[in-house]
Amino acid sequence: MTKFERFDDSNAPAESLPLIEKSKKAFGRLPGLHSVMAGSPPLLDGYQTLHRLFAEETAFDADEKTVVWQTINVYHECHYCVPAHTGIAKMMGVSDEISDALRDETPLPSDKLEALRLFTLAMLETRGNPSEDAFEAFYAAGYGERQVLDIILGLAQKVMSNYTNHVAHTPVDAPMQKFSWTPKAQR
């Protein structure tokens, strides 16, 4: 099995050092995902930038951001990101009911959030070619073109993290291990 190196202040490429510091400042520690990504400074920089844009500048509230992130994480069966975003959701004040439904792939507690989950899945399953019916249902739930484009931003961010974790087999960080998760198909 290929083993990807994990980087920190002592062994990272020079270009990654300010990015590592940025991660430590944001999270109070260096997340395992970021320590792997530091092997490619442009990947870590791109990921941090997309994360900031999605988290701070999209039209979504905390519940909706969690729906987009976790729908993608669960679809990609990311062993690292599902627990991480469960913890992040708790910090953002998202209810356990929403987090549990996303992790268990069961309907969400509101029709609007469920429409967001279903449209995000449609984007994943069709590789960005959802049907007209999918668009109509999404728009009928109160979303618009801005949210379609914001989902694409979330997809770009999560592909970077989910795929990195898959190839690197990134261990789940200690603070997030209590939220460990097994894909539905493996339960």
Protein backbone atom coordinates (compact mmCIF):
# COMPACT_ATOMS: atom_id res chain seq x y z
CA MET A 1 0.00 0.00 0.00
CA THR A 2 1.22 3.47 -0.85
CA LYS A 3 1.93 5.56 2.20
CA PHE A 4 1.67 9.33 1.97
CA GLU A 5 3.95 11.38 4.17
CA ARG A 6 2.46 13.67 6.79
CA PHE A 7 4.09 17.05 7.18
CA ASP A 8 4.45 19.57 9.99
CA ASP A 9 6.72 22.50 10.82
CA SER A 10 9.78 20.23 10.88
CA ASN A 11 9.56 18.58 7.45
CA ALA A 12 7.11 20.48 5.24
CA PRO A 13 8.11 22.20 2.02
CA ALA A 14 8.93 25.85 2.73
CA GLU A 15 5.89 27.00 0.73
CA SER A 16 3.62 25.00 3.06
CA LEU A 17 4.87 26.51 6.31
CA PRO A 18 2.62 29.60 6.28
CA LEU A 19 -0.31 27.38 5.28
CA ILE A 20 0.40 25.03 8.18
CA GLU A 21 0.45 28.02 10.54
CA LYS A 22 -2.86 29.18 9.09
CA SER A 23 -4.38 25.74 9.78
CA LYS A 24 -3.04 25.62 13.32
CA LYS A 25 -4.42 29.10 13.99
CA ALA A 26 -7.84 28.17 12.60
CA PHE A 27 -8.16 24.77 14.31
CA GLY A 28 -5.85 25.03 17.31
CA ARG A 29 -3.90 22.09 15.87
CA LEU A 30 -2.79 20.75 12.51
CA PRO A 31 -5.56 18.51 11.13
CA GLY A 32 -4.30 15.26 9.63
CA LEU A 33 -5.81 16.14 6.26
CA HIS A 34 -3.81 19.38 6.16
CA SER A 35 -0.62 17.56 7.17
CA VAL A 36 -1.01 15.31 4.12
CA MET A 37 -2.01 18.15 1.78
CA ALA A 38 1.07 20.11 2.87
CA GLY A 39 3.06 17.80 0.58
CA SER A 40 1.59 19.87 -2.26
CA PRO A 41 1.53 23.53 -1.22
CA PRO A 42 -0.87 24.47 -4.06
CA LEU A 43 -3.32 21.74 -2.97
CA LEU A 44 -3.34 22.92 0.65
CA ASP A 45 -3.61 26.55 -0.42
CA GLY A 46 -6.45 25.75 -2.82
CA TYR A 47 -8.27 23.70 -0.21
CA GLN A 48 -7.96 26.40 2.44
CA THR A 49 -9.19 29.02 -0.02
CA LEU A 50 -12.19 26.97 -1.16
CA HIS A 51 -13.05 26.08 2.45
CA ARG A 52 -13.03 29.75 3.43
CA LEU A 53 -15.12 30.75 0.42
CA PHE A 54 -17.70 28.01 1.00
CA ALA A 55 -17.85 28.54 4.78
CA GLU A 56 -17.91 32.33 4.75
CA GLU A 57 -19.27 33.57 1.44
CA THR A 58 -21.94 31.20 0.16
CA ALA A 59 -25.66 31.88 0.48
CA PHE A 60 -26.07 28.89 2.83
CA ASP A 61 -26.69 28.93 6.58
CA ALA A 62 -24.96 26.47 8.96
CA ASP A 63 -27.54 23.71 8.46
CA GLU A 64 -27.36 24.04 4.68
CA LYS A 65 -23.54 24.06 4.59
CA THR A 66 -23.58 20.89 6.66
CA VAL A 67 -26.08 19.28 4.27
CA VAL A 68 -23.89 20.02 1.26
CA TRP A 69 -20.62 18.98 2.93
CA GLN A 70 -21.94 15.80 4.52
CA THR A 71 -23.97 14.71 1.50
CA ILE A 72 -20.75 14.79 -0.52
CA ASN A 73 -18.67 13.18 2.24
CA VAL A 74 -21.17 10.33 2.68
CA TYR A 75 -21.54 9.81 -1.07
CA HIS A 76 -17.76 9.56 -1.40
CA GLU A 77 -17.61 7.35 1.73
CA CYS A 78 -14.90 9.53 3.27
CA HIS A 79 -13.83 7.88 6.52
CA TYR A 80 -12.11 11.10 7.64
CA CYS A 81 -14.46 13.89 6.53
CA VAL A 82 -17.73 12.43 7.84
CA PRO A 83 -16.46 12.39 11.45
CA ALA A 84 -14.69 15.75 10.98
CA HIS A 85 -17.82 17.44 9.65
CA THR A 86 -19.92 15.86 12.37
CA GLY A 87 -17.72 17.65 14.90
CA ILE A 88 -17.73 20.84 12.84
CA ALA A 89 -21.53 20.69 12.62
CA LYS A 90 -21.74 20.46 16.42
CA MET A 91 -19.48 23.51 16.72
CA MET A 92 -21.73 25.35 14.24
CA GLY A 93 -24.85 24.54 16.30
CA VAL A 94 -26.34 22.09 13.78
CA SER A 95 -28.74 19.64 15.43
CA ASP A 96 -27.88 15.99 15.95
CA GLU A 97 -31.11 15.18 14.09
CA ILE A 98 -29.67 16.73 10.92
CA SER A 99 -26.22 15.20 11.39
CA ASP A 100 -27.61 11.74 12.13
CA ALA A 101 -29.92 11.81 9.09
CA LEU A 102 -27.01 12.77 6.85
CA ARG A 103 -24.72 10.10 8.31
CA ASP A 104 -27.46 7.44 8.12
CA GLU A 105 -28.71 8.52 4.67
CA THR A 106 -32.27 9.01 5.93
CA PRO A 107 -34.60 11.92 5.12
CA LEU A 108 -33.81 15.25 6.72
CA PRO A 109 -36.23 16.90 9.18
CA SER A 110 -37.27 19.66 6.78
CA ASP A 111 -38.45 19.50 3.18
CA LYS A 112 -36.15 22.36 2.19
CA LEU A 113 -33.03 20.68 3.60
CA GLU A 114 -34.06 17.39 2.00
CA ALA A 115 -34.40 19.18 -1.37
CA LEU A 116 -30.86 20.51 -0.91
CA ARG A 117 -29.56 17.04 -0.09
CA LEU A 118 -31.33 15.50 -3.09
CA PHE A 119 -30.07 18.18 -5.48
CA THR A 120 -26.51 17.82 -4.18
CA LEU A 121 -26.81 14.06 -4.76
CA ALA A 122 -28.15 14.71 -8.25
CA MET A 123 -25.11 16.86 -8.98
CA LEU A 124 -22.82 14.07 -7.77
CA GLU A 125 -24.62 11.20 -9.47
CA THR A 126 -24.89 12.97 -12.83
CA ARG A 127 -21.45 14.61 -12.71
CA GLY A 128 -23.03 18.05 -12.88
CA ASN A 129 -25.83 17.22 -15.32
CA PRO A 130 -28.98 17.10 -13.16
CA SER A 131 -32.32 16.62 -14.89
CA GLU A 132 -34.83 19.40 -15.42
CA ASP A 133 -37.00 17.68 -12.79
CA ALA A 134 -34.13 17.95 -10.29
CA PHE A 135 -33.76 21.67 -11.02
CA GLU A 136 -37.51 22.24 -10.73
CA ALA A 137 -37.71 20.47 -7.37
CA PHE A 138 -34.70 22.42 -6.07
CA TYR A 139 -36.12 25.75 -7.20
CA ALA A 140 -39.58 24.86 -5.83
CA ALA A 141 -37.96 24.39 -2.41
CA GLY A 142 -36.84 28.03 -2.46
CA TYR A 143 -33.34 27.75 -3.90
CA GLY A 144 -32.02 29.41 -7.04
CA GLU A 145 -29.13 29.61 -9.43
CA ARG A 146 -26.82 31.08 -6.79
CA GLN A 147 -27.24 27.99 -4.63
CA VAL A 148 -26.58 25.69 -7.62
CA LEU A 149 -23.28 27.48 -8.17
CA ASP A 150 -22.47 27.43 -4.43
CA ILE A 151 -22.97 23.64 -4.44
CA ILE A 152 -20.38 23.42 -7.22
CA LEU A 153 -17.95 25.31 -4.98
CA GLY A 154 -18.65 22.83 -2.16
CA LEU A 155 -18.14 19.91 -4.54
CA ALA A 156 -14.75 21.26 -5.60
CA GLN A 157 -13.65 21.64 -1.99
CA LYS A 158 -14.85 18.21 -0.92
CA VAL A 159 -13.34 16.38 -3.90
CA MET A 160 -9.97 17.76 -2.80
CA SER A 161 -10.37 16.52 0.77
CA ASN A 162 -12.27 13.27 0.14
CA TYR A 163 -9.86 12.09 -2.55
CA THR A 164 -6.79 13.07 -0.53
CA ASN A 165 -8.11 11.07 2.42
CA HIS A 166 -8.84 8.08 0.21
CA VAL A 167 -5.36 7.88 -1.32
CA ALA A 168 -3.55 8.76 1.91
CA HIS A 169 -5.75 6.74 4.30
CA THR A 170 -5.58 9.73 6.63
CA PRO A 171 -6.22 8.67 10.22
CA VAL A 172 -9.18 10.42 11.87
CA ASP A 173 -7.94 13.13 14.22
CA ALA A 174 -8.22 12.32 17.93
CA PRO A 175 -10.89 14.99 18.69
CA MET A 176 -13.11 13.60 15.94
CA GLN A 177 -12.68 9.86 16.63
CA LYS A 178 -15.79 9.88 18.84
CA PHE A 179 -17.76 10.63 15.64
CA SER A 180 -16.33 7.68 13.70
CA TRP A 181 -18.52 6.46 10.87
CA THR A 182 -18.98 3.39 8.73
CA PRO A 183 -20.61 3.67 5.29
CA LYS A 184 -24.13 2.25 5.07
CA ALA A 185 -23.04 -0.40 2.56
CA GLN A 186 -20.47 -1.75 5.06
CA ARG A 187 -22.76 -1.88 8.11
